[in-house]
C-alpha atoms as a PDB file:
ATOM      1  CA  MET A   1      -0.209  -0.044   0.161  1.00  0.00           C
ATOM      2  CA  ASP A   2       1.284   3.408  -1.044  1.00  0.00           C
ATOM      3  CA  ASP A   3       1.478   6.384   0.986  1.00  0.00           C
ATOM      4  CA  LYS A   4      -1.630   8.003  -0.972  1.00  0.00           C
ATOM      5  CA  ASP A   5      -3.635   4.867  -0.071  1.00  0.00           C
ATOM      6  CA  LYS A   6      -2.451   4.945   3.321  1.00  0.00           C
ATOM      7  CA  GLN A   7      -3.527   8.586   3.768  1.00  0.00           C
ATOM      8  CA  LEU A   8      -6.756   7.975   2.333  1.00  0.00           C
ATOM      9  CA  LYS A   9      -7.327   5.137   4.803  1.00  0.00           C
ATOM     10  CA  LYS A  10      -6.526   7.155   7.822  1.00  0.00           C
ATOM     11  CA  ALA A  11      -8.660  10.085   6.766  1.00  0.00           C
ATOM     12  CA  LYS A  12     -11.695   7.365   5.969  1.00  0.00           C
ATOM     13  CA  ARG A  13     -10.871   6.046   9.508  1.00  0.00           C
ATOM     14  CA  SER A  14     -10.754   9.091  11.470  1.00  0.00           C
ATOM     15  CA  ALA A  15     -14.149  10.362   9.711  1.00  0.00           C
ATOM     16  CA  GLU A  16     -15.812   6.861  10.537  1.00  0.00           C
ATOM     17  CA  GLU A  17     -14.459   7.382  14.150  1.00  0.00           C
ATOM     18  CA  PHE A  18     -15.904  11.004  14.699  1.00  0.00           C
ATOM     19  CA  GLU A  19     -19.387   9.528  12.945  1.00  0.00           C
ATOM     20  CA  MET A  20     -19.318   6.535  15.583  1.00  0.00           C
ATOM     21  CA  ALA A  21     -18.879   9.165  18.445  1.00  0.00           C
ATOM     22  CA  TRP A  22     -20.882  11.842  17.393  1.00  0.00           C
ATOM     23  CA  GLN A  23     -24.122   8.948  17.116  1.00  0.00           C
ATOM     24  CA  GLU A  24     -22.789   7.803  20.453  1.00  0.00           C
ATOM     25  CA  PHE A  25     -22.621  10.994  22.095  1.00  0.00           C
ATOM     26  CA  PHE A  26     -25.890  12.352  20.807  1.00  0.00           C
ATOM     27  CA  LYS A  27     -28.063   9.430  21.101  1.00  0.00           C
ATOM     28  CA  ASN A  28     -31.471   9.922  23.150  1.00  0.00           C
ATOM     29  CA  LYS A  29     -30.101  13.697  23.815  1.00  0.00           C
ATOM     30  CA  PRO A  30     -32.575  16.178  23.374  1.00  0.00           C
ATOM     31  CA  ARG A  31     -32.409  19.057  21.448  1.00  0.00           C
ATOM     32  CA  PRO A  32     -30.523  22.099  23.274  1.00  0.00           C
ATOM     33  CA  LYS A  33     -33.465  24.526  23.880  1.00  0.00           C
ATOM     34  CA  ASN A  34     -31.085  27.728  22.868  1.00  0.00           C
ATOM     35  CA  ASP A  35     -27.649  28.753  21.895  1.00  0.00           C
ATOM     36  CA  GLU A  36     -26.180  28.594  25.034  1.00  0.00           C
ATOM     37  CA  GLU A  37     -27.205  25.029  25.553  1.00  0.00           C
ATOM     38  CA  GLU A  38     -25.983  24.048  21.941  1.00  0.00           C
ATOM     39  CA  ARG A  39     -22.892  25.566  22.757  1.00  0.00           C
ATOM     40  CA  LYS A  40     -22.247  23.643  25.937  1.00  0.00           C
ATOM     41  CA  GLU A  41     -23.233  20.575  24.305  1.00  0.00           C
ATOM     42  CA  GLN A  42     -20.815  20.877  21.300  1.00  0.00           C
ATOM     43  CA  GLU A  43     -18.022  22.046  23.759  1.00  0.00           C
ATOM     44  CA  GLU A  44     -18.895  18.586  25.804  1.00  0.00           C
ATOM     45  CA  PHE A  45     -18.835  16.466  22.839  1.00  0.00           C
ATOM     46  CA  HIS A  46     -15.604  17.818  21.582  1.00  0.00           C
ATOM     47  CA  ASN A  47     -13.964  17.305  24.944  1.00  0.00           C
ATOM     48  CA  TRP A  48     -15.512  13.986  25.426  1.00  0.00           C
ATOM     49  CA  TYR A  49     -14.140  13.062  21.595  1.00  0.00           C
ATOM     50  CA  ASN A  50     -10.513  14.283  22.118  1.00  0.00           C
ATOM     51  CA  HIS A  51      -9.903  13.417  25.543  1.00  0.00           C
ATOM     52  CA  ILE A  52     -12.147  10.703  26.973  1.00  0.00           C
ATOM     53  CA  ARG A  53     -13.445   8.445  24.447  1.00  0.00           C
ATOM     54  CA  LYS A  54     -11.094   5.785  23.413  1.00  0.00           C
ATOM     55  CA  GLN A  55     -11.065   5.268  19.513  1.00  0.00           C
ATOM     56  CA  SER A  56     -12.399   2.023  18.660  1.00  0.00           C
ATOM     57  CA  ASP A  57      -9.174   1.033  16.712  1.00  0.00           C
ATOM     58  CA  THR A  58      -6.537   2.093  18.756  1.00  0.00           C
ATOM     59  CA  GLY A  59      -7.790   2.060  22.249  1.00  0.00           C
ATOM     60  CA  LYS A  60      -6.524   5.990  23.040  1.00  0.00           C
ATOM     61  CA  THR A  61      -8.283   9.187  22.965  1.00  0.00           C
ATOM     62  CA  PRO A  62      -6.992  11.575  20.142  1.00  0.00           C
ATOM     63  CA  ALA A  63      -5.431  13.364  22.635  1.00  0.00           C
ATOM     64  CA  GLU A  64      -3.032  10.585  24.016  1.00  0.00           C
ATOM     65  CA  MET A  65      -2.534   9.435  20.274  1.00  0.00           C
ATOM     66  CA  TYR A  66      -1.480  13.360  19.691  1.00  0.00           C
ATOM     67  CA  LYS A  67       0.916  13.197  22.670  1.00  0.00           C
ATOM     68  CA  GLU A  68       2.333   9.781  21.454  1.00  0.00           C
ATOM     69  CA  ILE A  69       3.136  11.279  18.069  1.00  0.00           C
ATOM     70  CA  TYR A  70       4.080  14.595  18.672  1.00  0.00           C
ATOM     71  CA  GLY A  71       5.565  14.064  22.345  1.00  0.00           C
ATOM     72  CA  LYS A  72       3.716  17.149  23.641  1.00  0.00           C
ATOM     73  CA  GLU A  73       0.292  18.003  25.202  1.00  0.00           C
ATOM     74  CA  PRO A  74      -2.229  18.869  22.014  1.00  0.00           C
ATOM     75  CA  PRO A  75      -3.315  22.615  21.956  1.00  0.00           C
ATOM     76  CA  LYS A  76      -6.839  23.154  21.867  1.00  0.00           C
ATOM     77  CA  ASN A  77      -7.010  23.202  17.751  1.00  0.00           C
ATOM     78  CA  PRO A  78      -3.833  21.747  16.664  1.00  0.00           C
ATOM     79  CA  THR A  79      -2.651  22.405  13.198  1.00  0.00           C
ATOM     80  CA  GLU A  80      -0.639  18.770  13.014  1.00  0.00           C
ATOM     81  CA  GLU A  81      -2.185  15.848  11.348  1.00  0.00           C
ATOM     82  CA  SER A  82      -3.787  14.057  14.268  1.00  0.00           C
ATOM     83  CA  ARG A  83      -7.380  12.813  15.027  1.00  0.00           C
ATOM     84  CA  MET A  84      -7.962  15.622  17.265  1.00  0.00           C
ATOM     85  CA  MET A  85     -11.116  17.437  16.390  1.00  0.00           C
ATOM     86  CA  ASN A  86     -10.811  21.151  16.532  1.00  0.00           C
ATOM     87  CA  PHE A  87     -13.781  23.017  17.704  1.00  0.00           C
ATOM     88  CA  GLU A  88     -14.691  26.962  17.513  1.00  0.00           C
ATOM     89  CA  TRP A  89     -17.742  28.638  18.032  1.00  0.00           C
ATOM     90  CA  ASP A  90     -19.142  30.781  14.922  1.00  0.00           C
ATOM     91  CA  GLU A  91     -19.887  34.066  16.810  1.00  0.00           C
ATOM     92  CA  ASP A  92     -21.347  35.359  13.461  1.00  0.00           C
ATOM     93  CA  TYR A  93     -23.779  32.703  12.727  1.00  0.00           C
ATOM     94  CA  ASN A  94     -27.073  33.903  12.646  1.00  0.00           C
ATOM     95  CA  GLU A  95     -30.280  31.384  13.187  1.00  0.00           C
ATOM     96  CA  ASP A  96     -32.669  33.782  11.258  1.00  0.00           C
ATOM     97  CA  TYR A  97     -30.101  33.197   8.257  1.00  0.00           C
ATOM     98  CA  ASP A  98     -32.032  30.078   7.126  1.00  0.00           C
ATOM     99  CA  GLU A  99     -35.292  31.932   6.555  1.00  0.00           C
ATOM    100  CA  ASP A 100     -33.887  34.782   4.598  1.00  0.00           C
ATOM    101  CA  PHE A 101     -31.801  32.272   2.572  1.00  0.00           C
ATOM    102  CA  ASP A 102     -34.918  30.845   0.886  1.00  0.00           C
ATOM    103  CA  ASN A 103     -36.133  34.581  -0.451  1.00  0.00           C
ATOM    104  CA  LEU A 104     -32.852  35.209  -2.182  1.00  0.00           C
ATOM    105  CA  ASP A 105     -32.693  34.497  -5.935  1.00  0.00           C
ATOM    106  CA  GLU A 106     -30.193  31.975  -7.624  1.00  0.00           C
ATOM    107  CA  GLU A 107     -27.068  34.227  -7.780  1.00  0.00           C
ATOM    108  CA  GLU A 108     -27.230  35.695  -4.373  1.00  0.00           C
ATOM    109  CA  ARG A 109     -27.727  32.175  -2.734  1.00  0.00           C
ATOM    110  CA  LEU A 110     -24.865  30.991  -4.666  1.00  0.00           C
ATOM    111  CA  ASN A 111     -22.923  34.110  -3.422  1.00  0.00           C
ATOM    112  CA  GLU A 112     -23.994  33.099   0.127  1.00  0.00           C
ATOM    113  CA  LEU A 113     -23.241  29.661  -0.015  1.00  0.00           C
ATOM    114  CA  THR A 114     -19.608  30.351  -1.128  1.00  0.00           C
ATOM    115  CA  LYS A 115     -19.067  32.889   1.519  1.00  0.00           C
ATOM    116  CA  ILE A 116     -20.036  30.159   3.889  1.00  0.00           C
ATOM    117  CA  ALA A 117     -17.958  27.577   2.238  1.00  0.00           C
ATOM    118  CA  ASP A 118     -14.925  29.837   2.069  1.00  0.00           C
ATOM    119  CA  HIS A 119     -15.533  30.541   5.767  1.00  0.00           C
ATOM    120  CA  ILE A 120     -15.687  26.733   6.757  1.00  0.00           C
ATOM    121  CA  PHE A 121     -12.725  26.021   4.458  1.00  0.00           C
ATOM    122  CA  ASP A 122     -10.323  28.785   5.823  1.00  0.00           C
ATOM    123  CA  ASN A 123     -11.096  28.259   9.563  1.00  0.00           C
ATOM    124  CA  GLY A 124     -11.305  24.439  10.079  1.00  0.00           C
ATOM    125  CA  VAL A 125     -11.099  22.274   6.578  1.00  0.00           C
ATOM    126  CA  TRP A 126      -8.071  23.401   5.611  1.00  0.00           C
ATOM    127  CA  SER A 127      -5.960  23.199   8.496  1.00  0.00           C
ATOM    128  CA  ASN A 128      -7.035  19.858   9.406  1.00  0.00           C
ATOM    129  CA  SER A 129      -6.467  18.553   5.725  1.00  0.00           C
ATOM    130  CA  LYS A 130      -3.315  20.291   4.381  1.00  0.00           C
ATOM    131  CA  GLU A 131      -1.112  17.844   6.744  1.00  0.00           C
ATOM    132  CA  GLN A 132      -3.044  14.703   5.215  1.00  0.00           C
ATOM    133  CA  MET A 133      -2.977  16.056   1.946  1.00  0.00           C
ATOM    134  CA  LYS A 134       0.628  17.123   1.411  1.00  0.00           C
ATOM    135  CA  ASP A 135       1.972  13.884  -0.423  1.00  0.00           C
ATOM    136  CA  MET A 136      -1.213  13.286  -2.539  1.00  0.00           C
ATOM    137  CA  SER A 137      -1.707  14.239  -6.094  1.00  0.00           C
ATOM    138  CA  LYS A 138      -3.839  16.893  -7.340  1.00  0.00           C
ATOM    139  CA  ARG A 139      -6.503  14.345  -8.367  1.00  0.00           C
ATOM    140  CA  ASP A 140      -6.213  12.163  -4.955  1.00  0.00           C
ATOM    141  CA  SER A 141      -6.400  15.542  -2.809  1.00  0.00           C
ATOM    142  CA  SER A 142      -9.500  16.660  -5.068  1.00  0.00           C
ATOM    143  CA  ARG A 143     -11.244  13.312  -4.319  1.00  0.00           C
ATOM    144  CA  HIS A 144     -10.242  13.604  -0.746  1.00  0.00           C
ATOM    145  CA  MET A 145     -11.927  16.938  -0.517  1.00  0.00           C
ATOM    146  CA  PHE A 146     -14.947  15.798  -2.581  1.00  0.00           C
ATOM    147  CA  ARG A 147     -15.096  12.679  -0.315  1.00  0.00           C
ATOM    148  CA  LEU A 148     -15.280  15.196   2.600  1.00  0.00           C
ATOM    149  CA  GLY A 149     -17.833  17.278   1.036  1.00  0.00           C
ATOM    150  CA  VAL A 150     -20.306  14.463   0.356  1.00  0.00           C
ATOM    151  CA  PHE A 151     -19.686  13.223   4.236  1.00  0.00           C
ATOM    152  CA  ILE A 152     -20.694  16.568   5.525  1.00  0.00           C
ATOM    153  CA  HIS A 153     -23.576  16.839   3.400  1.00  0.00           C
ATOM    154  CA  SER A 154     -24.860  13.283   4.204  1.00  0.00           C
ATOM    155  CA  GLN A 155     -24.273  14.535   7.994  1.00  0.00           C
ATOM    156  CA  TYR A 156     -26.563  17.395   7.428  1.00  0.00           C
ATOM    157  CA  MET A 157     -29.127  15.564   5.797  1.00  0.00           C
ATOM    158  CA  HIS A 158     -29.310  13.019   8.414  1.00  0.00           C
ATOM    159  CA  GLU A 159     -29.462  15.958  11.173  1.00  0.00           C
ATOM    160  CA  GLN A 160     -32.115  17.369   8.777  1.00  0.00           C
ATOM    161  CA  MET A 161     -34.209  14.327   8.669  1.00  0.00           C
ATOM    162  CA  LYS A 162     -34.227  13.683  12.459  1.00  0.00           C
ATOM    163  CA  GLU A 163     -35.262  17.090  13.223  1.00  0.00           C
ATOM    164  CA  ILE A 164     -38.300  16.827  10.629  1.00  0.00           C
ATOM    165  CA  THR A 165     -39.210  13.401  12.054  1.00  0.00           C
ATOM    166  CA  GLU A 166     -39.229  14.941  15.467  1.00  0.00           C
ATOM    167  CA  GLU A 167     -41.293  18.105  14.309  1.00  0.00           C
ATOM    168  CA  LEU A 168     -43.812  15.569  12.454  1.00  0.00           C
ATOM    169  CA  LYS A 169     -44.838  13.849  15.680  1.00  0.00           C
ATOM    170  CA  THR A 170     -46.118  16.781  17.202  1.00  0.00           C
ATOM    171  CA  MET A 171     -47.830  18.229  14.183  1.00  0.00           C
ATOM    172  CA  SER A 172     -51.740  17.659  13.559  1.00  0.00           C
ATOM    173  CA  LYS A 173     -52.549  15.923  10.060  1.00  0.00           C
ATOM    174  CA  GLU A 174     -53.881  19.058   8.720  1.00  0.00           C
ATOM    175  CA  ASP A 175     -50.549  20.930   9.584  1.00  0.00           C
ATOM    176  CA  VAL A 176     -48.726  17.683   8.064  1.00  0.00           C
ATOM    177  CA  GLN A 177     -51.086  18.039   4.961  1.00  0.00           C
ATOM    178  CA  LYS A 178     -50.405  21.706   4.384  1.00  0.00           C
ATOM    179  CA  MET A 179     -46.465  21.121   4.456  1.00  0.00           C
ATOM    180  CA  VAL A 180     -46.963  18.478   1.985  1.00  0.00           C
ATOM    181  CA  ASP A 181     -48.999  20.786  -0.356  1.00  0.00           C
ATOM    182  CA  ASN A 182     -46.520  23.611   0.132  1.00  0.00           C
ATOM    183  CA  PHE A 183     -43.877  21.137  -0.990  1.00  0.00           C
ATOM    184  CA  ARG A 184     -45.423  20.308  -4.132  1.00  0.00           C
ATOM    185  CA  GLU A 185     -46.365  23.812  -4.969  1.00  0.00           C
ATOM    186  CA  ARG A 186     -42.483  24.901  -4.695  1.00  0.00           C
ATOM    187  CA  LYS A 187     -41.792  21.810  -6.617  1.00  0.00           C
ATOM    188  CA  GLU A 188     -44.202  22.779  -9.362  1.00  0.00           C
ATOM    189  CA  ASP A 189     -42.864  26.235  -9.290  1.00  0.00           C
ATOM    190  CA  ARG A 190     -39.336  25.213  -9.949  1.00  0.00           C
ATOM    191  CA  LYS A 191     -40.700  23.130 -12.772  1.00  0.00           C
ATOM    192  CA  ASP A 192     -42.048  26.023 -14.413  1.00  0.00           C
ATOM    193  CA  GLU A 193     -38.819  28.251 -14.030  1.00  0.00           C
END
């Protein structure tokens, strides 16, 4: 197995480990009631993931693995290649953004998505990926980033479906029917465009 295959295998294993930890930590937890609760929960998860939960394949925490590799205590958000997950709270995030987003035309929506993607890339993805990808070809690094995008999108869709399922449980049949009718209308409107 060459270095590129090893790098890809390590990245895949890291993503799988994070997904297992996410499912384990948040299983049966109620949704946070406000931003403060959500922030506290996210901080608890990242601390638990990095310093308490042992990885299923190594039996060590990401912090223990980092210390073993680099011979020092891990910083809060390391830039070296490791299984440590960085966490920073986005103070600029606006919860009302999603509602406004639906009212944008296609070009404005694309511009907003580009800003969001650039922010995420510059403040996390690149620092975590550049070390993993330094010996990869352009094709392999593009594939790696594409896989990461698919993984993140899948995670987002999974969370959205969980939210929708929970909401549906509390809605009346009439409200559910209205929602379905609205969805069909939007779909028809898009066909006409």
